[in-house]
Amino acid sequence: MKITVVGATGRTGGKVVELLNSDEIAGMISSKTTDSEFEEAIRHSSAVIDFSRPAAALKAAKICEKYSVPFVCGTTGFSAEEFETLKSYSKNTPILYASNFSLGIYVMKQLLKICEKSLDDFDISIIDRHHNKKKDSPSGTALTLAQQLRKTPQIVSLRIGGVVGDHICSFTSDNEEITIKHRSFDKKVFAVGAIKCAHWLSSAKPGYYSLEDFMNAQ
């Protein structure tokens, strides 16, 4: 399988490159890549994995649609309009989007639903901690966690030091509190998940997929 990595010089994209064998890499896209190099790499790929910026991700998705190349996207920070554009490219090629590719976050989302059902009168908060170079705030993961809930949680975002990613969700009443916490130690966890999704997506029909679709198919 030949994979092109968009955002190959970034923190997470670099981890994807590290995990792939040299003969598995069709292309490594960075800000220095020309338009022709960008398209040529994707055209010869079995799948594309993207951890970049919204503009680059949309550019990659459009090329993937053109050549029917499966597209796995972990970029965050899309506007609502940009995200709808991303999804529109899935009419002609399979696209899987996840704000976080870790198994732990997938489980955490299920736990939040269970807790809210039993603790419907509790206040809910999410603390979102990432490294001080992360651009989007709140993070895509924090927003995804919030979307699992009927009640709108209070979200506090901290951008400090070299924190890979911490998400702490608390259900608090006047008398007690339940806290669910997920901590990522290394961005390798996101790269591993994205590569697994790329292999699965390579045999999928055109359409828009989520990490839940991948997990449910296992």
Protein backbone atom coordinates (compact mmCIF):
# COMPACT_ATOMS: atom_id res chain seq x y z
CA MET A 1 0.00 0.00 0.00
CA LYS A 2 1.34 3.42 -0.98
CA ILE A 3 0.44 6.34 1.32
CA THR A 4 0.95 10.06 0.82
CA VAL A 5 1.29 12.05 4.04
CA VAL A 6 0.05 15.64 3.97
CA GLY A 7 1.68 17.68 6.73
CA ALA A 8 4.66 15.32 6.75
CA THR A 9 6.92 17.77 8.58
CA GLY A 10 4.38 18.49 11.32
CA ARG A 11 4.19 16.97 14.79
CA THR A 12 1.69 14.22 13.97
CA GLY A 13 2.38 13.88 10.25
CA GLY A 14 6.02 13.30 11.11
CA LYS A 15 5.00 10.41 13.36
CA VAL A 16 3.07 8.84 10.46
CA VAL A 17 6.18 9.07 8.29
CA GLU A 18 8.27 7.44 11.05
CA LEU A 19 5.88 4.50 11.33
CA LEU A 20 5.70 3.77 7.60
CA ASN A 21 8.36 1.80 5.76
CA SER A 22 10.09 3.78 3.02
CA ASP A 23 8.46 1.64 0.33
CA GLU A 24 5.02 2.49 1.75
CA ILE A 25 5.45 6.24 1.24
CA ALA A 26 4.18 7.63 -2.06
CA GLY A 27 4.79 11.24 -1.10
CA MET A 28 5.50 13.59 1.79
CA ILE A 29 3.66 16.89 1.41
CA SER A 30 4.80 20.04 3.21
CA SER A 31 4.44 23.79 2.72
CA LYS A 32 7.39 23.63 0.29
CA THR A 33 5.69 21.13 -2.04
CA THR A 34 4.68 22.56 -5.42
CA ASP A 35 1.15 22.15 -6.76
CA SER A 36 2.29 19.69 -9.43
CA GLU A 37 4.23 17.61 -6.89
CA PHE A 38 1.20 17.68 -4.57
CA GLU A 39 -1.13 16.28 -7.23
CA GLU A 40 1.37 13.79 -8.64
CA ALA A 41 2.01 12.22 -5.23
CA ILE A 42 -1.70 11.76 -4.52
CA ARG A 43 -2.40 10.42 -8.01
CA HIS A 44 -0.01 7.52 -7.37
CA SER A 45 -1.27 6.77 -3.84
CA SER A 46 -3.43 4.00 -2.44
CA ALA A 47 -4.52 6.38 0.33
CA VAL A 48 -3.73 9.80 1.78
CA ILE A 49 -3.28 10.65 5.46
CA ASP A 50 -3.58 14.32 6.38
CA PHE A 51 -2.46 16.14 9.52
CA SER A 52 -1.94 19.67 8.26
CA ARG A 53 -3.95 22.90 8.12
CA PRO A 54 -7.52 23.34 6.79
CA ALA A 55 -6.42 24.91 3.47
CA ALA A 56 -3.96 22.11 2.71
CA ALA A 57 -6.44 19.44 3.83
CA LEU A 58 -9.15 20.77 1.51
CA LYS A 59 -6.66 20.92 -1.35
CA ALA A 60 -5.70 17.30 -0.73
CA ALA A 61 -9.33 16.18 -0.42
CA LYS A 62 -10.20 17.80 -3.75
CA ILE A 63 -7.34 15.98 -5.50
CA CYS A 64 -8.32 12.71 -3.79
CA GLU A 65 -11.84 13.11 -5.16
CA LYS A 66 -10.44 13.71 -8.64
CA TYR A 67 -8.45 10.45 -8.61
CA SER A 68 -10.76 8.44 -6.27
CA VAL A 69 -8.05 8.08 -3.62
CA PRO A 70 -9.22 7.30 -0.05
CA PHE A 71 -8.58 10.22 2.29
CA VAL A 72 -7.98 10.02 6.06
CA CYS A 73 -8.08 13.45 7.70
CA GLY A 74 -7.06 14.39 11.23
CA THR A 75 -6.71 18.14 10.68
CA THR A 76 -8.68 20.36 13.06
CA GLY A 77 -9.65 24.03 13.02
CA PHE A 78 -12.07 23.93 10.07
CA SER A 79 -14.80 26.53 9.87
CA ALA A 80 -18.32 25.14 9.48
CA GLU A 81 -18.27 26.04 5.78
CA GLU A 82 -14.85 24.44 5.25
CA PHE A 83 -15.97 21.25 6.96
CA GLU A 84 -19.03 20.98 4.72
CA THR A 85 -16.75 21.41 1.70
CA LEU A 86 -14.53 18.60 3.00
CA LYS A 87 -17.52 16.29 3.38
CA SER A 88 -18.78 17.15 -0.11
CA TYR A 89 -15.70 15.53 -1.67
CA SER A 90 -16.80 12.16 -0.28
CA LYS A 91 -19.38 11.74 -3.05
CA ASN A 92 -16.72 10.23 -5.30
CA THR A 93 -14.16 8.84 -2.86
CA PRO A 94 -14.17 7.53 0.73
CA ILE A 95 -13.22 10.14 3.34
CA LEU A 96 -12.72 9.37 7.02
CA TYR A 97 -12.47 12.28 9.43
CA ALA A 98 -11.58 12.15 13.12
CA SER A 99 -10.45 14.94 15.42
CA ASN A 100 -8.64 12.28 17.47
CA PHE A 101 -7.57 8.79 16.37
CA SER A 102 -6.90 7.26 19.80
CA LEU A 103 -8.87 4.26 21.06
CA GLY A 104 -9.05 5.92 24.49
CA ILE A 105 -10.96 8.94 23.17
CA TYR A 106 -13.37 6.64 21.36
CA VAL A 107 -14.11 4.88 24.69
CA MET A 108 -14.31 8.22 26.51
CA LYS A 109 -17.07 9.41 24.18
CA GLN A 110 -19.15 6.35 25.05
CA LEU A 111 -18.58 6.94 28.78
CA LEU A 112 -19.74 10.55 28.53
CA LYS A 113 -23.06 9.45 27.08
CA ILE A 114 -23.56 6.95 29.90
CA CYS A 115 -22.68 9.50 32.58
CA GLU A 116 -24.95 12.22 31.24
CA LYS A 117 -27.88 9.81 31.09
CA SER A 118 -27.53 9.03 34.81
CA LEU A 119 -26.35 12.46 35.96
CA ASP A 120 -28.64 14.74 33.99
CA ASP A 121 -28.82 17.42 36.71
CA PHE A 122 -25.01 17.71 37.06
CA ASP A 123 -22.97 20.57 35.61
CA ILE A 124 -20.52 19.44 32.92
CA SER A 125 -17.10 20.86 32.16
CA ILE A 126 -14.26 19.95 29.81
CA ILE A 127 -10.65 20.99 30.31
CA ASP A 128 -8.67 20.85 27.08
CA ARG A 129 -4.84 20.98 27.51
CA HIS A 130 -2.40 21.01 24.57
CA HIS A 131 1.09 22.25 23.73
CA ASN A 132 1.62 25.99 23.33
CA LYS A 133 2.03 25.79 19.54
CA LYS A 134 -1.45 24.38 18.87
CA LYS A 135 -3.45 26.85 16.79
CA ASP A 136 -7.10 25.91 17.37
CA SER A 137 -8.83 26.46 20.69
CA PRO A 138 -10.91 24.63 21.82
CA SER A 139 -9.34 21.59 20.22
CA GLY A 140 -11.22 19.46 17.74
CA THR A 141 -11.25 16.67 20.30
CA ALA A 142 -12.83 18.89 22.97
CA LEU A 143 -15.53 19.94 20.51
CA THR A 144 -16.12 16.31 19.50
CA LEU A 145 -16.51 15.31 23.16
CA ALA A 146 -18.95 18.17 23.69
CA GLN A 147 -21.01 16.99 20.72
CA GLN A 148 -21.68 13.70 22.52
CA LEU A 149 -23.62 15.58 25.19
CA ARG A 150 -27.16 16.95 25.14
CA LYS A 151 -26.22 19.70 27.60
CA THR A 152 -23.63 22.28 26.52
CA PRO A 153 -20.53 21.86 28.70
CA GLN A 154 -18.25 24.63 29.91
CA ILE A 155 -14.94 24.29 28.03
CA VAL A 156 -11.62 25.65 29.28
CA SER A 157 -8.67 25.47 26.89
CA LEU A 158 -5.06 25.69 28.05
CA ARG A 159 -2.06 25.91 25.69
CA ILE A 160 0.95 25.14 27.84
CA GLY A 161 4.43 23.74 27.40
CA GLY A 162 4.78 20.50 25.45
CA VAL A 163 1.53 18.82 26.52
CA VAL A 164 0.58 16.27 23.84
CA GLY A 165 -3.12 16.24 24.70
CA ASP A 166 -5.16 16.00 27.89
CA HIS A 167 -8.97 16.02 28.02
CA ILE A 168 -10.69 16.07 31.39
CA CYS A 169 -14.49 15.94 31.60
CA SER A 170 -16.18 16.45 34.96
CA PHE A 171 -19.79 15.94 36.04
CA THR A 172 -20.27 18.06 39.17
CA SER A 173 -23.17 18.51 41.59
CA ASP A 174 -23.38 20.29 44.95
CA ASN A 175 -22.31 17.10 46.72
CA GLU A 176 -20.12 15.01 44.40
CA GLU A 177 -18.13 14.87 41.21
CA ILE A 178 -17.20 12.26 38.63
CA THR A 179 -14.19 12.95 36.39
CA ILE A 180 -13.23 11.11 33.21
CA LYS A 181 -9.74 11.87 31.95
CA HIS A 182 -7.78 10.89 28.86
CA ARG A 183 -4.07 11.67 28.48
CA SER A 184 -1.97 11.11 25.36
CA PHE A 185 1.72 10.47 26.07
CA ASP A 186 2.93 10.55 22.48
CA LYS A 187 1.47 11.65 19.14
CA LYS A 188 2.34 8.17 17.92
CA VAL A 189 -1.09 7.07 19.17
CA PHE A 190 -2.79 9.31 16.59
CA ALA A 191 -0.47 8.18 13.79
CA VAL A 192 -1.07 4.49 14.52
CA GLY A 193 -4.84 5.01 14.43
CA ALA A 194 -4.71 6.98 11.19
CA ILE A 195 -2.63 4.30 9.44
CA LYS A 196 -5.06 1.58 10.53
CA CYS A 197 -7.96 3.67 9.23
CA ALA A 198 -6.18 4.20 5.89
CA HIS A 199 -5.81 0.45 5.39
CA TRP A 200 -9.49 -0.07 6.20
CA LEU A 201 -10.65 2.84 4.05
CA SER A 202 -8.76 1.54 1.01
CA SER A 203 -11.50 -1.06 0.45
CA ALA A 204 -14.45 1.18 1.40
CA LYS A 205 -17.04 2.61 -0.97
CA PRO A 206 -17.24 6.38 -1.58
CA GLY A 207 -18.81 8.14 1.37
CA TYR A 208 -18.12 10.04 4.57
CA TYR A 209 -16.86 7.95 7.49
CA SER A 210 -15.96 8.49 11.13
CA LEU A 211 -13.72 6.70 13.60
CA GLU A 212 -16.88 5.05 14.93
CA ASP A 213 -17.45 3.46 11.52
CA PHE A 214 -13.94 2.04 11.59
CA MET A 215 -14.27 0.76 15.17
CA ASN A 216 -17.67 -0.83 14.50
CA ALA A 217 -16.26 -2.68 11.50
CA GLN A 218 -13.55 -4.39 13.53
